[in-house]
Amino acid sequence: MPLVKIKEKGQLTLPARIRERHGLAIGDYVDVTEEGSRIVLVPQTFVERRPAVDAAIAEGLADIGAGRISPRFDNAEDFEAWLETDEGKLFARAK
Protein backbone atom coordinates (compact mmCIF):
# COMPACT_ATOMS: atom_id res chain seq x y z
CA MET A 1 0.00 0.00 0.00
CA PRO A 2 1.33 3.45 -0.85
CA LEU A 3 1.94 5.97 1.87
CA VAL A 4 0.10 9.29 1.72
CA LYS A 5 0.99 12.43 3.60
CA ILE A 6 -1.56 14.43 5.55
CA LYS A 7 -1.38 18.07 4.49
CA GLU A 8 -2.72 21.33 5.87
CA LYS A 9 -6.30 21.15 7.14
CA GLY A 10 -5.99 17.34 7.38
CA GLN A 11 -6.19 16.83 3.62
CA LEU A 12 -4.71 13.79 1.91
CA THR A 13 -4.63 12.45 -1.63
CA LEU A 14 -5.91 8.96 -2.34
CA PRO A 15 -3.78 7.21 -4.95
CA ALA A 16 -5.30 7.24 -8.46
CA ARG A 17 -5.53 3.45 -8.74
CA ILE A 18 -7.55 3.27 -5.49
CA ARG A 19 -9.87 6.10 -6.63
CA GLU A 20 -10.35 4.37 -9.99
CA ARG A 21 -10.94 0.94 -8.45
CA HIS A 22 -13.69 2.36 -6.25
CA GLY A 23 -15.14 4.77 -8.81
CA LEU A 24 -14.29 7.89 -6.82
CA ALA A 25 -14.17 11.27 -8.56
CA ILE A 26 -13.76 14.90 -7.57
CA GLY A 27 -16.65 15.96 -5.35
CA ASP A 28 -17.59 12.45 -4.24
CA TYR A 29 -18.20 11.72 -0.56
CA VAL A 30 -16.72 9.11 1.74
CA ASP A 31 -17.91 8.16 5.22
CA VAL A 32 -15.06 8.33 7.72
CA THR A 33 -15.20 6.01 10.74
CA GLU A 34 -12.85 4.49 13.25
CA GLU A 35 -12.50 0.75 13.74
CA GLY A 36 -10.14 0.29 16.64
CA SER A 37 -6.84 1.90 15.61
CA ARG A 38 -7.87 2.09 11.92
CA ILE A 39 -9.43 4.97 10.03
CA VAL A 40 -11.90 3.59 7.47
CA LEU A 41 -13.14 5.46 4.39
CA VAL A 42 -16.32 4.12 2.78
CA PRO A 43 -17.53 5.65 -0.52
CA GLN A 44 -21.05 7.09 -0.24
CA THR A 45 -23.61 7.76 -2.94
CA PHE A 46 -25.89 10.75 -2.58
CA VAL A 47 -28.42 12.19 -4.96
CA GLU A 48 -28.75 15.95 -4.86
CA ARG A 49 -32.24 17.14 -3.95
CA ARG A 50 -34.22 18.51 -6.87
CA PRO A 51 -37.56 20.27 -6.26
CA ALA A 52 -39.20 18.68 -9.34
CA VAL A 53 -38.12 15.20 -8.21
CA ASP A 54 -39.31 15.87 -4.67
CA ALA A 55 -42.70 16.99 -6.04
CA ALA A 56 -42.98 13.85 -8.19
CA ILE A 57 -42.14 11.64 -5.20
CA ALA A 58 -44.74 13.45 -3.08
CA GLU A 59 -47.34 12.97 -5.84
CA GLY A 60 -46.48 9.27 -6.11
CA LEU A 61 -46.76 8.80 -2.35
CA ALA A 62 -50.13 10.56 -2.41
CA ASP A 63 -51.25 8.19 -5.19
CA ILE A 64 -50.18 5.20 -3.12
CA GLY A 65 -51.98 6.57 -0.07
CA ALA A 66 -55.16 7.12 -2.09
CA GLY A 67 -54.97 3.68 -3.71
CA ARG A 68 -54.30 5.09 -7.17
CA ILE A 69 -51.54 2.65 -8.10
CA SER A 70 -51.19 -0.13 -10.63
CA PRO A 71 -49.70 -3.52 -9.86
CA ARG A 72 -45.96 -4.18 -9.97
CA PHE A 73 -44.59 -6.03 -13.02
CA ASP A 74 -41.43 -8.11 -13.21
CA ASN A 75 -41.14 -7.87 -17.00
CA ALA A 76 -42.77 -6.46 -20.11
CA GLU A 77 -44.71 -9.66 -20.77
CA ASP A 78 -46.47 -9.40 -17.40
CA PHE A 79 -47.36 -5.77 -18.12
CA GLU A 80 -48.72 -6.61 -21.57
CA ALA A 81 -50.82 -9.44 -20.12
CA TRP A 82 -52.18 -7.08 -17.45
CA LEU A 83 -53.19 -4.59 -20.16
CA GLU A 84 -55.60 -7.26 -21.47
CA THR A 85 -57.43 -7.42 -18.12
CA ASP A 86 -60.41 -5.17 -17.32
CA GLU A 87 -58.26 -3.11 -14.95
CA GLY A 88 -55.52 -2.78 -17.58
CA LYS A 89 -57.99 -1.66 -20.23
CA LEU A 90 -59.36 1.04 -17.88
CA PHE A 91 -55.81 2.16 -17.20
CA ALA A 92 -54.94 2.33 -20.92
CA ARG A 93 -58.06 4.41 -21.68
CA ALA A 94 -57.26 6.87 -18.88
CA LYS A 95 -53.90 7.77 -20.38
PDB file of N, CA and C in Angstrom:
ATOM      1  N   MET A   1       0.850  -1.185   0.000  1.00  0.00           N
ATOM      2  CA  MET A   1       0.000   0.000   0.000  1.00  0.00           C
ATOM      3  C   MET A   1       0.889   1.239   0.000  1.00  0.00           C
ATOM      4  N   PRO A   2       0.543   2.212  -0.813  1.00  0.00           N
ATOM      5  CA  PRO A   2       1.328   3.448  -0.847  1.00  0.00           C
ATOM      6  C   PRO A   2       1.088   4.288   0.407  1.00  0.00           C
ATOM      7  N   LEU A   3       2.089   5.029   0.775  1.00  0.00           N
ATOM      8  CA  LEU A   3       1.941   5.970   1.873  1.00  0.00           C
ATOM      9  C   LEU A   3       1.427   7.295   1.326  1.00  0.00           C
ATOM     10  N   VAL A   4       0.561   7.956   2.081  1.00  0.00           N
ATOM     11  CA  VAL A   4       0.099   9.291   1.719  1.00  0.00           C
ATOM     12  C   VAL A   4       0.394  10.211   2.879  1.00  0.00           C
ATOM     13  N   LYS A   5       0.635  11.444   2.583  1.00  0.00           N
ATOM     14  CA  LYS A   5       0.993  12.433   3.597  1.00  0.00           C
ATOM     15  C   LYS A   5      -0.208  13.319   3.889  1.00  0.00           C
ATOM     16  N   ILE A   6      -0.485  13.531   5.154  1.00  0.00           N
ATOM     17  CA  ILE A   6      -1.559  14.434   5.553  1.00  0.00           C
ATOM     18  C   ILE A   6      -1.035  15.860   5.441  1.00  0.00           C
ATOM     19  N   LYS A   7      -1.791  16.690   4.751  1.00  0.00           N
ATOM     20  CA  LYS A   7      -1.382  18.072   4.490  1.00  0.00           C
ATOM     21  C   LYS A   7      -2.149  19.029   5.390  1.00  0.00           C
ATOM     22  N   GLU A   8      -2.011  20.316   5.096  1.00  0.00           N
ATOM     23  CA  GLU A   8      -2.723  21.332   5.870  1.00  0.00           C
ATOM     24  C   GLU A   8      -4.212  21.007   5.896  1.00  0.00           C
ATOM     25  N   LYS A   9      -4.861  21.361   6.957  1.00  0.00           N
ATOM     26  CA  LYS A   9      -6.299  21.149   7.142  1.00  0.00           C
ATOM     27  C   LYS A   9      -6.675  19.669   7.123  1.00  0.00           C
ATOM     28  N   GLY A  10      -5.711  18.770   7.321  1.00  0.00           N
ATOM     29  CA  GLY A  10      -5.990  17.344   7.377  1.00  0.00           C
ATOM     30  C   GLY A  10      -6.231  16.696   6.032  1.00  0.00           C
ATOM     31  N   GLN A  11      -5.928  17.378   4.944  1.00  0.00           N
ATOM     32  CA  GLN A  11      -6.185  16.832   3.617  1.00  0.00           C
ATOM     33  C   GLN A  11      -5.148  15.784   3.240  1.00  0.00           C
ATOM     34  N   LEU A  12      -5.614  14.791   2.462  1.00  0.00           N
ATOM     35  CA  LEU A  12      -4.709  13.795   1.913  1.00  0.00           C
ATOM     36  C   LEU A  12      -5.174  13.438   0.520  1.00  0.00           C
ATOM     37  N   THR A  13      -4.294  12.851  -0.265  1.00  0.00           N
ATOM     38  CA  THR A  13      -4.632  12.455  -1.630  1.00  0.00           C
ATOM     39  C   THR A  13      -4.666  10.945  -1.712  1.00  0.00           C
ATOM     40  N   LEU A  14      -5.807  10.405  -2.134  1.00  0.00           N
ATOM     41  CA  LEU A  14      -5.907   8.963  -2.337  1.00  0.00           C
ATOM     42  C   LEU A  14      -5.231   8.628  -3.660  1.00  0.00           C
ATOM     43  N   PRO A  15      -4.442   7.580  -3.687  1.00  0.00           N
ATOM     44  CA  PRO A  15      -3.777   7.207  -4.945  1.00  0.00           C
ATOM     45  C   PRO A  15      -4.790   6.967  -6.070  1.00  0.00           C
ATOM     46  N   ALA A  16      -4.405   7.325  -7.299  1.00  0.00           N
ATOM     47  CA  ALA A  16      -5.296   7.243  -8.456  1.00  0.00           C
ATOM     48  C   ALA A  16      -5.852   5.833  -8.644  1.00  0.00           C
ATOM     49  N   ARG A  17      -5.030   4.810  -8.489  1.00  0.00           N
ATOM     50  CA  ARG A  17      -5.534   3.452  -8.737  1.00  0.00           C
ATOM     51  C   ARG A  17      -6.600   3.061  -7.723  1.00  0.00           C
ATOM     52  N   ILE A  18      -6.519   3.561  -6.499  1.00  0.00           N
ATOM     53  CA  ILE A  18      -7.550   3.275  -5.492  1.00  0.00           C
ATOM     54  C   ILE A  18      -8.826   4.041  -5.835  1.00  0.00           C
ATOM     55  N   ARG A  19      -8.689   5.316  -6.228  1.00  0.00           N
ATOM     56  CA  ARG A  19      -9.869   6.099  -6.632  1.00  0.00           C
ATOM     57  C   ARG A  19     -10.557   5.435  -7.817  1.00  0.00           C
ATOM     58  N   GLU A  20      -9.772   5.003  -8.800  1.00  0.00           N
ATOM     59  CA  GLU A  20     -10.350   4.372  -9.992  1.00  0.00           C
ATOM     60  C   GLU A  20     -11.027   3.049  -9.648  1.00  0.00           C
ATOM     61  N   ARG A  21     -10.389   2.246  -8.821  1.00  0.00           N
ATOM     62  CA  ARG A  21     -10.937   0.939  -8.452  1.00  0.00           C
ATOM     63  C   ARG A  21     -12.290   1.080  -7.757  1.00  0.00           C
ATOM     64  N   HIS A  22     -12.457   2.166  -7.005  1.00  0.00           N
ATOM     65  CA  HIS A  22     -13.693   2.361  -6.246  1.00  0.00           C
ATOM     66  C   HIS A  22     -14.621   3.392  -6.880  1.00  0.00           C
ATOM     67  N   GLY A  23     -14.267   3.851  -8.080  1.00  0.00           N
ATOM     68  CA  GLY A  23     -15.138   4.768  -8.812  1.00  0.00           C
ATOM     69  C   GLY A  23     -15.271   6.135  -8.173  1.00  0.00           C
ATOM     70  N   LEU A  24     -14.243   6.586  -7.483  1.00  0.00           N
ATOM     71  CA  LEU A  24     -14.294   7.889  -6.816  1.00  0.00           C
ATOM     72  C   LEU A  24     -13.824   8.997  -7.755  1.00  0.00           C
ATOM     73  N   ALA A  25     -14.522  10.115  -7.728  1.00  0.00           N
ATOM     74  CA  ALA A  25     -14.171  11.265  -8.561  1.00  0.00           C
ATOM     75  C   ALA A  25     -14.223  12.526  -7.709  1.00  0.00           C
ATOM     76  N   ILE A  26     -13.746  13.616  -8.270  1.00  0.00           N
ATOM     77  CA  ILE A  26     -13.760  14.899  -7.567  1.00  0.00           C
ATOM     78  C   ILE A  26     -15.179  15.218  -7.131  1.00  0.00           C
ATOM     79  N   GLY A  27     -15.345  15.595  -5.881  1.00  0.00           N
ATOM     80  CA  GLY A  27     -16.652  15.963  -5.349  1.00  0.00           C
ATOM     81  C   GLY A  27     -17.408  14.820  -4.707  1.00  0.00           C
ATOM     82  N   ASP A  28     -16.924  13.582  -4.869  1.00  0.00           N
ATOM     83  CA  ASP A  28     -17.593  12.446  -4.241  1.00  0.00           C
ATOM     84  C   ASP A  28     -17.395  12.493  -2.723  1.00  0.00           C
ATOM     85  N   TYR A  29     -18.250  11.773  -2.022  1.00  0.00           N
ATOM     86  CA  TYR A  29     -18.196  11.723  -0.563  1.00  0.00           C
ATOM     87  C   TYR A  29     -17.741  10.349  -0.085  1.00  0.00           C
ATOM     88  N   VAL A  30     -17.052  10.347   1.048  1.00  0.00           N
ATOM     89  CA  VAL A  30     -16.718   9.107   1.745  1.00  0.00           C
ATOM     90  C   VAL A  30     -17.116   9.270   3.203  1.00  0.00           C
ATOM     91  N   ASP A  31     -17.599   8.188   3.786  1.00  0.00           N
ATOM     92  CA  ASP A  31     -17.912   8.161   5.215  1.00  0.00           C
ATOM     93  C   ASP A  31     -16.615   7.817   5.939  1.00  0.00           C
ATOM     94  N   VAL A  32     -16.286   8.555   6.974  1.00  0.00           N
ATOM     95  CA  VAL A  32     -15.058   8.329   7.724  1.00  0.00           C
ATOM     96  C   VAL A  32     -15.432   7.805   9.106  1.00  0.00           C
ATOM     97  N   THR A  33     -14.939   6.606   9.436  1.00  0.00           N
ATOM     98  CA  THR A  33     -15.204   6.013  10.739  1.00  0.00           C
ATOM     99  C   THR A  33     -13.915   5.454  11.313  1.00  0.00           C
ATOM    100  N   GLU A  34     -13.977   5.126  12.569  1.00  0.00           N
ATOM    101  CA  GLU A  34     -12.849   4.487  13.246  1.00  0.00           C
ATOM    102  C   GLU A  34     -13.232   3.062  13.595  1.00  0.00           C
ATOM    103  N   GLU A  35     -12.338   2.139  13.329  1.00  0.00           N
ATOM    104  CA  GLU A  35     -12.498   0.748  13.741  1.00  0.00           C
ATOM    105  C   GLU A  35     -11.241   0.383  14.512  1.00  0.00           C
ATOM    106  N   GLY A  36     -11.331   0.505  15.814  1.00  0.00           N
ATOM    107  CA  GLY A  36     -10.142   0.289  16.640  1.00  0.00           C
ATOM    108  C   GLY A  36      -9.105   1.357  16.334  1.00  0.00           C
ATOM    109  N   SER A  37      -7.909   0.934  15.926  1.00  0.00           N
ATOM    110  CA  SER A  37      -6.843   1.897  15.608  1.00  0.00           C
ATOM    111  C   SER A  37      -6.821   2.258  14.124  1.00  0.00           C
ATOM    112  N   ARG A  38      -7.812   1.811  13.358  1.00  0.00           N
ATOM    113  CA  ARG A  38      -7.868   2.086  11.920  1.00  0.00           C
ATOM    114  C   ARG A  38      -8.851   3.214  11.608  1.00  0.00           C
ATOM    115  N   ILE A  39      -8.528   3.965  10.578  1.00  0.00           N
ATOM    116  CA  ILE A  39      -9.434   4.966  10.029  1.00  0.00           C
ATOM    117  C   ILE A  39      -9.962   4.365   8.734  1.00  0.00           C
ATOM    118  N   VAL A  40     -11.282   4.263   8.612  1.00  0.00           N
ATOM    119  CA  VAL A  40     -11.898   3.592   7.470  1.00  0.00           C
ATOM    120  C   VAL A  40     -12.677   4.609   6.635  1.00  0.00           C
ATOM    121  N   LEU A  41     -12.415   4.606   5.333  1.00  0.00           N
ATOM    122  CA  LEU A  41     -13.136   5.464   4.391  1.00  0.00           C
ATOM    123  C   LEU A  41     -14.060   4.576   3.567  1.00  0.00           C
ATOM    124  N   VAL A  42     -15.342   4.908   3.539  1.00  0.00           N
ATOM    125  CA  VAL A  42     -16.315   4.124   2.776  1.00  0.00           C
ATOM    126  C   VAL A  42     -17.013   5.061   1.786  1.00  0.00           C
ATOM    127  N   PRO A  43     -16.873   4.796   0.468  1.00  0.00           N
ATOM    128  CA  PRO A  43     -17.534   5.653  -0.524  1.00  0.00           C
ATOM    129  C   PRO A  43     -19.039   5.698  -0.276  1.00  0.00           C
ATOM    130  N   GLN A  44     -19.616   6.884  -0.434  1.00  0.00           N
ATOM    131  CA  GLN A  44     -21.050   7.088  -0.237  1.00  0.00           C
ATOM    132  C   GLN A  44     -21.667   7.650  -1.508  1.00  0.00           C
ATOM    133  N   THR A  45     -22.883   7.252  -1.777  1.00  0.00           N
ATOM    134  CA  THR A  45     -23.606   7.757  -2.937  1.00  0.00           C
ATOM    135  C   THR A  45     -24.767   8.612  -2.454  1.00  0.00           C
ATOM    136  N   PHE A  46     -24.811   9.835  -2.916  1.00  0.00           N
ATOM    137  CA  PHE A  46     -25.888  10.747  -2.577  1.00  0.00           C
ATOM    138  C   PHE A  46     -26.479  11.287  -3.860  1.00  0.00           C
ATOM    139  N   VAL A  47     -27.749  11.555  -3.833  1.00  0.00           N
ATOM    140  CA  VAL A  47     -28.416  12.194  -4.959  1.00  0.00           C
ATOM    141  C   VAL A  47     -28.821  13.577  -4.484  1.00  0.00           C
ATOM    142  N   GLU A  48     -28.393  14.582  -5.238  1.00  0.00           N
ATOM    143  CA  GLU A  48     -28.748  15.946  -4.862  1.00  0.00           C
ATOM    144  C   GLU A  48     -30.257  16.117  -4.921  1.00  0.00           C
ATOM    145  N   ARG A  49     -30.802  16.895  -3.980  1.00  0.00           N
ATOM    146  CA  ARG A  49     -32.239  17.144  -3.953  1.00  0.00           C
ATOM    147  C   ARG A  49     -32.609  18.050  -5.112  1.00  0.00           C
ATOM    148  N   ARG A  50     -33.695  17.721  -5.762  1.00  0.00           N
ATOM    149  CA  ARG A  50     -34.215  18.514  -6.866  1.00  0.00           C
ATOM    150  C   ARG A  50     -35.707  18.739  -6.591  1.00  0.00           C
ATOM    151  N   PRO A  51     -36.155  19.986  -6.579  1.00  0.00           N
ATOM    152  CA  PRO A  51     -37.560  20.268  -6.262  1.00  0.00           C
ATOM    153  C   PRO A  51     -38.544  19.507  -7.147  1.00  0.00           C
ATOM    154  N   ALA A  52     -38.272  19.384  -8.449  1.00  0.00           N
ATOM    155  CA  ALA A  52     -39.196  18.678  -9.337  1.00  0.00           C
ATOM    156  C   ALA A  52     -39.275  17.196  -8.967  1.00  0.00           C
ATOM    157  N   VAL A  53     -38.133  16.609  -8.610  1.00  0.00           N
ATOM    158  CA  VAL A  53     -38.121  15.199  -8.215  1.00  0.00           C
ATOM    159  C   VAL A  53     -38.862  15.036  -6.891  1.00  0.00           C
ATOM    160  N   ASP A  54     -38.613  15.931  -5.954  1.00  0.00           N
ATOM    161  CA  ASP A  54     -39.313  15.873  -4.665  1.00  0.00           C
ATOM    162  C   ASP A  54     -40.821  15.965  -4.860  1.00  0.00           C
ATOM    163  N   ALA A  55     -41.267  16.842  -5.774  1.00  0.00           N
ATOM    164  CA  ALA A  55     -42.699  16.990  -6.041  1.00  0.00           C
ATOM    165  C   ALA A  55     -43.263  15.707  -6.657  1.00  0.00           C
ATOM    166  N   ALA A  56     -42.518  15.086  -7.572  1.00  0.00           N
ATOM    167  CA  ALA A  56     -42.981  13.848  -8.192  1.00  0.00           C
ATOM    168  C   ALA A  56     -43.068  12.722  -7.168  1.00  0.00           C
ATOM    169  N   ILE A  57     -42.107  12.661  -6.263  1.00  0.00           N
ATOM    170  CA  ILE A  57     -42.143  11.643  -5.204  1.00  0.00           C
ATOM    171  C   ILE A  57     -43.351  11.874  -4.305  1.00  0.00           C
ATOM    172  N   ALA A  58     -43.588  13.134  -3.925  1.00  0.00           N
ATOM    173  CA  ALA A  58     -44.739  13.449  -3.078  1.00  0.00           C
ATOM    174  C   ALA A  58     -46.046  13.066  -3.778  1.00  0.00           C
ATOM    175  N   GLU A  59     -46.135  13.334  -5.078  1.00  0.00           N
ATOM    176  CA  GLU A  59     -47.337  12.971  -5.838  1.00  0.00           C
ATOM    177  C   GLU A  59     -47.507  11.454  -5.875  1.00  0.00           C
ATOM    178  N   GLY A  60     -46.410  10.731  -6.091  1.00  0.00           N
ATOM    179  CA  GLY A  60     -46.476   9.274  -6.110  1.00  0.00           C
ATOM    180  C   GLY A  60     -46.903   8.703  -4.775  1.00  0.00           C
ATOM    181  N   LEU A  61     -46.369   9.261  -3.686  1.00  0.00           N
ATOM    182  CA  LEU A  61     -46.755   8.797  -2.348  1.00  0.00           C
ATOM    183  C   LEU A  61     -48.232   9.085  -2.085  1.00  0.00           C
ATOM    184  N   ALA A  62     -48.709  10.236  -2.557  1.00  0.00           N
ATOM    185  CA  ALA A  62     -50.134  10.562  -2.407  1.00  0.00           C
ATOM    186  C   ALA A  62     -50.984   9.565  -3.190  1.00  0.00           C
ATOM    187  N   ASP A  63     -50.533   9.190  -4.401  1.00  0.00           N
ATOM    188  CA  ASP A  63     -51.251   8.194  -5.195  1.00  0.00           C
ATOM    189  C   ASP A  63     -51.311   6.857  -4.465  1.00  0.00           C
ATOM    190  N   ILE A  64     -50.201   6.457  -3.882  1.00  0.00           N
ATOM    191  CA  ILE A  64     -50.180   5.203  -3.125  1.00  0.00           C
ATOM    192  C   ILE A  64     -51.150   5.283  -1.949  1.00  0.00           C
ATOM    193  N   GLY A  65     -51.100   6.390  -1.213  1.00  0.00           N
ATOM    194  CA  GLY A  65     -51.980   6.572  -0.067  1.00  0.00           C
ATOM    195  C   GLY A  65     -53.450   6.556  -0.440  1.00  0.00           C
ATOM    196  N   ALA A  66     -53.778   7.058  -1.635  1.00  0.00           N
ATOM    197  CA  ALA A  66     -55.164   7.115  -2.086  1.00  0.00           C
ATOM    198  C   ALA A  66     -55.580   5.861  -2.852  1.00  0.00           C
ATOM    199  N   GLY A  67     -54.651   4.907  -2.999  1.00  0.00           N
ATOM    200  CA  GLY A  67     -54.971   3.678  -3.705  1.00  0.00           C
ATOM    201  C   GLY A  67     -54.947   3.807  -5.213  1.00  0.00           C
ATOM    202  N   ARG A  68     -54.364   4.891  -5.723  1.00  0.00           N
ATOM    203  CA  ARG A  68     -54.297   5.093  -7.172  1.00  0.00           C
ATOM    204  C   ARG A  68     -52.973   4.546  -7.720  1.00  0.00           C
ATOM    205  N   ILE A  69     -52.781   3.254  -7.604  1.00  0.00           N
ATOM    206  CA  ILE A  69     -51.544   2.654  -8.102  1.00  0.00           C
ATOM    207  C   ILE A  69     -51.882   1.422  -8.932  1.00  0.00           C
ATOM    208  N   SER A  70     -51.009   1.089  -9.847  1.00  0.00           N
ATOM    209  CA  SER A  70     -51.189  -0.131 -10.634  1.00  0.00           C
ATOM    210  C   SER A  70     -50.289  -1.207 -10.041  1.00  0.00           C
ATOM    211  N   PRO A  71     -50.531  -2.443 -10.416  1.00  0.00           N
ATOM    212  CA  PRO A  71     -49.705  -3.519  -9.865  1.00  0.00           C
ATOM    213  C   PRO A  71     -48.250  -3.434 -10.340  1.00  0.00           C
ATOM    214  N   ARG A  72     -47.379  -4.127  -9.624  1.00  0.00           N
ATOM    215  CA  ARG A  72     -45.956  -4.179  -9.972  1.00  0.00           C
ATOM    216  C   ARG A  72     -45.755  -5.292 -10.998  1.00  0.00           C
ATOM    217  N   PHE A  73     -44.874  -5.045 -11.977  1.00  0.00           N
ATOM    218  CA  PHE A  73     -44.594  -6.030 -13.018  1.00  0.00           C
ATOM    219  C   PHE A  73     -43.118  -6.377 -12.999  1.00  0.00           C
ATOM    220  N   ASP A  74     -42.815  -7.661 -13.182  1.00  0.00           N
ATOM    221  CA  ASP A  74     -41.427  -8.112 -13.206  1.00  0.00           C
ATOM    222  C   ASP A  74     -40.822  -8.030 -14.606  1.00  0.00           C
ATOM    223  N   ASN A  75     -41.663  -7.939 -15.631  1.00  0.00           N
ATOM    224  CA  ASN A  75     -41.145  -7.870 -16.997  1.00  0.00           C
ATOM    225  C   ASN A  75     -42.227  -7.314 -17.919  1.00  0.00           C
ATOM    226  N   ALA A  76     -41.847  -7.057 -19.151  1.00  0.00           N
ATOM    227  CA  ALA A  76     -42.772  -6.459 -20.115  1.00  0.00           C
ATOM    228  C   ALA A  76     -43.927  -7.399 -20.444  1.00  0.00           C
ATOM    229  N   GLU A  77     -43.655  -8.696 -20.455  1.00  0.00           N
ATOM    230  CA  GLU A  77     -44.713  -9.659 -20.772  1.00  0.00           C
ATOM    231  C   GLU A  77     -45.826  -9.609 -19.726  1.00  0.00           C
ATOM    232  N   ASP A  78     -45.458  -9.504 -18.457  1.00  0.00           N
ATOM    233  CA  ASP A  78     -46.467  -9.404 -17.397  1.00  0.00           C
ATOM    234  C   ASP A  78     -47.309  -8.133 -17.566  1.00  0.00           C
ATOM    235  N   PHE A  79     -46.640  -7.022 -17.917  1.00  0.00           N
ATOM    236  CA  PHE A  79     -47.362  -5.766 -18.122  1.00  0.00           C
ATOM    237  C   PHE A  79     -48.338  -5.888 -19.287  1.00  0.00           C
ATOM    238  N   GLU A  80     -47.866  -6.464 -20.397  1.00  0.00           N
ATOM    239  CA  GLU A  80     -48.720  -6.610 -21.571  1.00  0.00           C
ATOM    240  C   GLU A  80     -49.922  -7.510 -21.268  1.00  0.00           C
ATOM    241  N   ALA A  81     -49.715  -8.562 -20.492  1.00  0.00           N
ATOM    242  CA  ALA A  81     -50.825  -9.443 -20.115  1.00  0.00           C
ATOM    243  C   ALA A  81     -51.822  -8.687 -19.238  1.00  0.00           C
ATOM    244  N   TRP A  82     -51.310  -7.855 -18.329  1.00  0.00           N
ATOM    245  CA  TRP A  82     -52.184  -7.076 -17.455  1.00  0.00           C
ATOM    246  C   TRP A  82     -53.028  -6.087 -18.262  1.00  0.00           C
ATOM    247  N   LEU A  83     -52.438  -5.526 -19.325  1.00  0.00           N
ATOM    248  CA  LEU A  83     -53.191  -4.585 -20.161  1.00  0.00           C
ATOM    249  C   LEU A  83     -54.422  -5.227 -20.793  1.00  0.00           C
ATOM    250  N   GLU A  84     -54.443  -6.540 -20.894  1.00  0.00           N
ATOM    251  CA  GLU A  84     -55.596  -7.255 -21.467  1.00  0.00           C
ATOM    252  C   GLU A  84     -56.698  -7.495 -20.437  1.00  0.00           C
ATOM    253  N   THR A  85     -56.414  -7.247 -19.159  1.00  0.00           N
ATOM    254  CA  THR A  85     -57.434  -7.422 -18.121  1.00  0.00           C
ATOM    255  C   THR A  85     -58.353  -6.199 -18.115  1.00  0.00           C
ATOM    256  N   ASP A  86     -59.486  -6.304 -17.422  1.00  0.00           N
ATOM    257  CA  ASP A  86     -60.414  -5.169 -17.320  1.00  0.00           C
ATOM    258  C   ASP A  86     -59.719  -3.961 -16.690  1.00  0.00           C
ATOM    259  N   GLU A  87     -58.976  -4.206 -15.625  1.00  0.00           N
ATOM    260  CA  GLU A  87     -58.258  -3.108 -14.951  1.00  0.00           C
ATOM    261  C   GLU A  87     -57.251  -2.469 -15.896  1.00  0.00           C
ATOM    262  N   GLY A  88     -56.505  -3.284 -16.634  1.00  0.00           N
ATOM    263  CA  GLY A  88     -55.518  -2.780 -17.576  1.00  0.00           C
ATOM    264  C   GLY A  88     -56.148  -1.964 -18.694  1.00  0.00           C
ATOM    265  N   LYS A  89     -57.302  -2.409 -19.169  1.00  0.00           N
ATOM    266  CA  LYS A  89     -57.990  -1.660 -20.235  1.00  0.00           C
ATOM    267  C   LYS A  89     -58.464  -0.299 -19.730  1.00  0.00           C
ATOM    268  N   LEU A  90     -58.956  -0.264 -18.479  1.00  0.00           N
ATOM    269  CA  LEU A  90     -59.359   1.039 -17.881  1.00  0.00           C
ATOM    270  C   LEU A  90     -58.150   1.948 -17.764  1.00  0.00           C
ATOM    271  N   PHE A  91     -57.042   1.384 -17.347  1.00  0.00           N
ATOM    272  CA  PHE A  91     -55.807   2.161 -17.200  1.00  0.00           C
ATOM    273  C   PHE A  91     -55.388   2.729 -18.547  1.00  0.00           C
ATOM    274  N   ALA A  92     -55.388   1.899 -19.580  1.00  0.00           N
ATOM    275  CA  ALA A  92     -54.943   2.331 -20.918  1.00  0.00           C
ATOM    276  C   ALA A  92     -55.839   3.429 -21.466  1.00  0.00           C
ATOM    277  N   ARG A  93     -57.141   3.351 -21.209  1.00  0.00           N
ATOM    278  CA  ARG A  93     -58.061   4.405 -21.678  1.00  0.00           C
ATOM    279  C   ARG A  93     -57.849   5.705 -20.939  1.00  0.00           C
ATOM    280  N   ALA A  94     -57.437   5.656 -19.695  1.00  0.00           N
ATOM    281  CA  ALA A  94     -57.257   6.872 -18.879  1.00  0.00           C
ATOM    282  C   ALA A  94     -56.051   7.679 -19.313  1.00  0.00           C
ATOM    283  N   LYS A  95     -55.120   7.067 -19.987  1.00  0.00           N
ATOM    284  CA  LYS A  95     -53.900   7.770 -20.378  1.00  0.00           C
ATOM    285  C   LYS A  95     -54.096   8.606 -21.564  1.00  0.00           C
TER     286      LYS A  95
END
